[in-house]
Amino acid sequence: MPPASPKSSGYFPGSDDKHPVLITEAQPSLEDQHRSRVRRYTIIMAFRIPCLVLAAIAYSSFGSALLSILIIAVSIPLPWIAVLIANDRPPRRKDEPSRWDEPRPALESRPHKAIDS
């Protein structure tokens, strides 16, 4: 990590007005997570249309149907990949603790008498 500037006392180097100190372990808001997932999906799907156009250009320029089919074959799994990546959870941060909760015993493990009426 680069050394913090003299006027910064927070986690991020530079002006504290620009980067506030992170004091919580809270996850990003659901709106931020959704916006990030939509952005990832859009970026990946944006490669599909140029692949189809590139396949048409390759076929018209080189006359090679095999090259065009290969380019189209590469673009076929893109929607599936985009959905998988977009639905993935946000990546873990390096400073996020790895938690393991050991199984806890029940509060009372002895048998209880039932009350008959």
C-alpha atoms as a PDB file:
ATOM      1  CA  MET A   1       0.000   0.000   0.000  1.00  0.00           C
ATOM      2  CA  PRO A   2       1.409   3.412  -0.867  1.00  0.00           C
ATOM      3  CA  PRO A   3       2.263   5.642   2.059  1.00  0.00           C
ATOM      4  CA  ALA A   4      -0.481   8.008   3.108  1.00  0.00           C
ATOM      5  CA  SER A   5      -0.016  11.699   2.507  1.00  0.00           C
ATOM      6  CA  PRO A   6       0.720  13.852   5.580  1.00  0.00           C
ATOM      7  CA  LYS A   7      -2.717  15.486   5.602  1.00  0.00           C
ATOM      8  CA  SER A   8      -4.602  12.178   5.350  1.00  0.00           C
ATOM      9  CA  SER A   9      -5.297  10.192   8.476  1.00  0.00           C
ATOM     10  CA  GLY A  10      -7.668   7.659   6.884  1.00  0.00           C
ATOM     11  CA  TYR A  11      -7.300   4.356   5.106  1.00  0.00           C
ATOM     12  CA  PHE A  12      -7.084   5.809   1.611  1.00  0.00           C
ATOM     13  CA  PRO A  13      -4.143   7.969   0.568  1.00  0.00           C
ATOM     14  CA  GLY A  14      -4.913  11.520  -0.431  1.00  0.00           C
ATOM     15  CA  SER A  15      -7.621  13.935   0.557  1.00  0.00           C
ATOM     16  CA  ASP A  16     -10.133  12.743   3.134  1.00  0.00           C
ATOM     17  CA  ASP A  17     -12.811  14.700   1.285  1.00  0.00           C
ATOM     18  CA  LYS A  18     -12.297  12.503  -1.756  1.00  0.00           C
ATOM     19  CA  HIS A  19     -12.066   9.119   0.024  1.00  0.00           C
ATOM     20  CA  PRO A  20     -13.827   8.703   3.360  1.00  0.00           C
ATOM     21  CA  VAL A  21     -12.505   6.300   5.970  1.00  0.00           C
ATOM     22  CA  LEU A  22     -14.127   2.880   5.809  1.00  0.00           C
ATOM     23  CA  ILE A  23     -15.375   2.012   9.300  1.00  0.00           C
ATOM     24  CA  THR A  24     -17.955  -0.678   8.564  1.00  0.00           C
ATOM     25  CA  GLU A  25     -18.104  -4.214   7.237  1.00  0.00           C
ATOM     26  CA  ALA A  26     -21.439  -3.524   5.525  1.00  0.00           C
ATOM     27  CA  GLN A  27     -21.897  -4.778   1.995  1.00  0.00           C
ATOM     28  CA  PRO A  28     -22.549  -2.314  -0.831  1.00  0.00           C
ATOM     29  CA  SER A  29     -26.229  -1.419  -1.175  1.00  0.00           C
ATOM     30  CA  LEU A  30     -28.457  -3.658  -3.272  1.00  0.00           C
ATOM     31  CA  GLU A  31     -28.857  -0.855  -5.811  1.00  0.00           C
ATOM     32  CA  ASP A  32     -25.065  -0.563  -6.203  1.00  0.00           C
ATOM     33  CA  GLN A  33     -24.725  -4.330  -6.561  1.00  0.00           C
ATOM     34  CA  HIS A  34     -27.523  -4.422  -9.157  1.00  0.00           C
ATOM     35  CA  ARG A  35     -25.977  -1.544 -11.109  1.00  0.00           C
ATOM     36  CA  SER A  36     -22.625  -3.338 -11.107  1.00  0.00           C
ATOM     37  CA  ARG A  37     -24.195  -6.614 -12.306  1.00  0.00           C
ATOM     38  CA  VAL A  38     -26.112  -4.846 -15.088  1.00  0.00           C
ATOM     39  CA  ARG A  39     -22.906  -3.084 -16.181  1.00  0.00           C
ATOM     40  CA  ARG A  40     -20.971  -6.402 -16.318  1.00  0.00           C
ATOM     41  CA  TYR A  41     -23.783  -8.074 -18.288  1.00  0.00           C
ATOM     42  CA  THR A  42     -23.985  -5.189 -20.756  1.00  0.00           C
ATOM     43  CA  ILE A  43     -20.229  -5.137 -21.332  1.00  0.00           C
ATOM     44  CA  ILE A  44     -20.067  -8.868 -22.018  1.00  0.00           C
ATOM     45  CA  MET A  45     -23.129  -8.824 -24.281  1.00  0.00           C
ATOM     46  CA  ALA A  46     -21.695  -5.832 -26.165  1.00  0.00           C
ATOM     47  CA  PHE A  47     -19.066  -8.206 -27.577  1.00  0.00           C
ATOM     48  CA  ARG A  48     -21.712 -10.374 -29.252  1.00  0.00           C
ATOM     49  CA  ILE A  49     -22.848  -7.922 -31.943  1.00  0.00           C
ATOM     50  CA  PRO A  50     -19.295  -7.074 -33.075  1.00  0.00           C
ATOM     51  CA  CYS A  51     -18.583 -10.808 -33.299  1.00  0.00           C
ATOM     52  CA  LEU A  52     -21.501 -11.281 -35.674  1.00  0.00           C
ATOM     53  CA  VAL A  53     -20.462  -8.247 -37.739  1.00  0.00           C
ATOM     54  CA  LEU A  54     -16.857  -9.487 -37.763  1.00  0.00           C
ATOM     55  CA  ALA A  55     -18.061 -12.903 -38.971  1.00  0.00           C
ATOM     56  CA  ALA A  56     -19.916 -11.246 -41.869  1.00  0.00           C
ATOM     57  CA  ILE A  57     -16.872  -9.122 -42.740  1.00  0.00           C
ATOM     58  CA  ALA A  58     -14.569 -12.168 -42.568  1.00  0.00           C
ATOM     59  CA  TYR A  59     -16.864 -14.119 -44.874  1.00  0.00           C
ATOM     60  CA  SER A  60     -17.162 -11.309 -47.405  1.00  0.00           C
ATOM     61  CA  SER A  61     -13.444 -10.400 -47.305  1.00  0.00           C
ATOM     62  CA  PHE A  62     -11.782 -13.805 -47.116  1.00  0.00           C
ATOM     63  CA  GLY A  63     -14.582 -15.996 -48.437  1.00  0.00           C
ATOM     64  CA  SER A  64     -13.885 -18.411 -45.590  1.00  0.00           C
ATOM     65  CA  ALA A  65     -17.032 -19.926 -44.125  1.00  0.00           C
ATOM     66  CA  LEU A  66     -14.929 -21.809 -41.567  1.00  0.00           C
ATOM     67  CA  LEU A  67     -13.501 -18.587 -40.116  1.00  0.00           C
ATOM     68  CA  SER A  68     -16.982 -17.046 -39.946  1.00  0.00           C
ATOM     69  CA  ILE A  69     -18.409 -20.132 -38.231  1.00  0.00           C
ATOM     70  CA  LEU A  70     -15.567 -20.085 -35.690  1.00  0.00           C
ATOM     71  CA  ILE A  71     -16.247 -16.434 -34.864  1.00  0.00           C
ATOM     72  CA  ILE A  72     -19.964 -17.145 -34.498  1.00  0.00           C
ATOM     73  CA  ALA A  73     -19.198 -20.225 -32.368  1.00  0.00           C
ATOM     74  CA  VAL A  74     -17.209 -18.015 -30.004  1.00  0.00           C
ATOM     75  CA  SER A  75     -20.192 -15.660 -29.659  1.00  0.00           C
ATOM     76  CA  ILE A  76     -22.749 -18.421 -28.911  1.00  0.00           C
ATOM     77  CA  PRO A  77     -21.835 -19.009 -25.218  1.00  0.00           C
ATOM     78  CA  LEU A  78     -21.538 -15.269 -24.465  1.00  0.00           C
ATOM     79  CA  PRO A  79     -25.131 -14.878 -23.134  1.00  0.00           C
ATOM     80  CA  TRP A  80     -24.657 -17.845 -20.805  1.00  0.00           C
ATOM     81  CA  ILE A  81     -21.307 -16.523 -19.595  1.00  0.00           C
ATOM     82  CA  ALA A  82     -22.763 -13.030 -19.150  1.00  0.00           C
ATOM     83  CA  VAL A  83     -25.618 -14.337 -16.994  1.00  0.00           C
ATOM     84  CA  LEU A  84     -23.292 -16.433 -14.843  1.00  0.00           C
ATOM     85  CA  ILE A  85     -20.874 -13.570 -14.263  1.00  0.00           C
ATOM     86  CA  ALA A  86     -23.634 -11.003 -13.688  1.00  0.00           C
ATOM     87  CA  ASN A  87     -25.395 -13.187 -11.111  1.00  0.00           C
ATOM     88  CA  ASP A  88     -22.222 -13.897  -9.175  1.00  0.00           C
ATOM     89  CA  ARG A  89     -21.823 -12.348  -5.733  1.00  0.00           C
ATOM     90  CA  PRO A  90     -19.527  -9.367  -5.370  1.00  0.00           C
ATOM     91  CA  PRO A  91     -15.892 -10.461  -5.119  1.00  0.00           C
ATOM     92  CA  ARG A  92     -14.442 -10.923  -1.653  1.00  0.00           C
ATOM     93  CA  ARG A  93     -12.147  -8.199  -0.473  1.00  0.00           C
ATOM     94  CA  LYS A  94      -8.688  -9.125   0.752  1.00  0.00           C
ATOM     95  CA  ASP A  95      -9.413  -7.620   4.144  1.00  0.00           C
ATOM     96  CA  GLU A  96     -12.732  -9.479   4.487  1.00  0.00           C
ATOM     97  CA  PRO A  97     -12.388 -12.089   7.220  1.00  0.00           C
ATOM     98  CA  SER A  98     -12.925 -15.732   6.415  1.00  0.00           C
ATOM     99  CA  ARG A  99     -15.554 -16.864   8.873  1.00  0.00           C
ATOM    100  CA  TRP A 100     -16.222 -20.371  10.087  1.00  0.00           C
ATOM    101  CA  ASP A 101     -18.882 -20.878  12.683  1.00  0.00           C
ATOM    102  CA  GLU A 102     -18.378 -24.140  14.510  1.00  0.00           C
ATOM    103  CA  PRO A 103     -21.525 -26.130  15.250  1.00  0.00           C
ATOM    104  CA  ARG A 104     -22.809 -25.080  18.639  1.00  0.00           C
ATOM    105  CA  PRO A 105     -24.361 -27.555  21.043  1.00  0.00           C
ATOM    106  CA  ALA A 106     -28.008 -27.165  21.937  1.00  0.00           C
ATOM    107  CA  LEU A 107     -28.751 -25.114  25.011  1.00  0.00           C
ATOM    108  CA  GLU A 108     -30.058 -28.122  26.907  1.00  0.00           C
ATOM    109  CA  SER A 109     -29.248 -31.575  25.638  1.00  0.00           C
ATOM    110  CA  ARG A 110     -30.934 -33.603  28.416  1.00  0.00           C
ATOM    111  CA  PRO A 111     -34.355 -35.213  27.816  1.00  0.00           C
ATOM    112  CA  HIS A 112     -37.403 -33.311  29.044  1.00  0.00           C
ATOM    113  CA  LYS A 113     -40.474 -34.739  30.728  1.00  0.00           C
ATOM    114  CA  ALA A 114     -43.753 -34.099  28.951  1.00  0.00           C
ATOM    115  CA  ILE A 115     -46.687 -32.923  31.008  1.00  0.00           C
ATOM    116  CA  ASP A 116     -49.721 -35.178  30.605  1.00  0.00           C
ATOM    117  CA  SER A 117     -53.164 -33.838  31.286  1.00  0.00           C
END
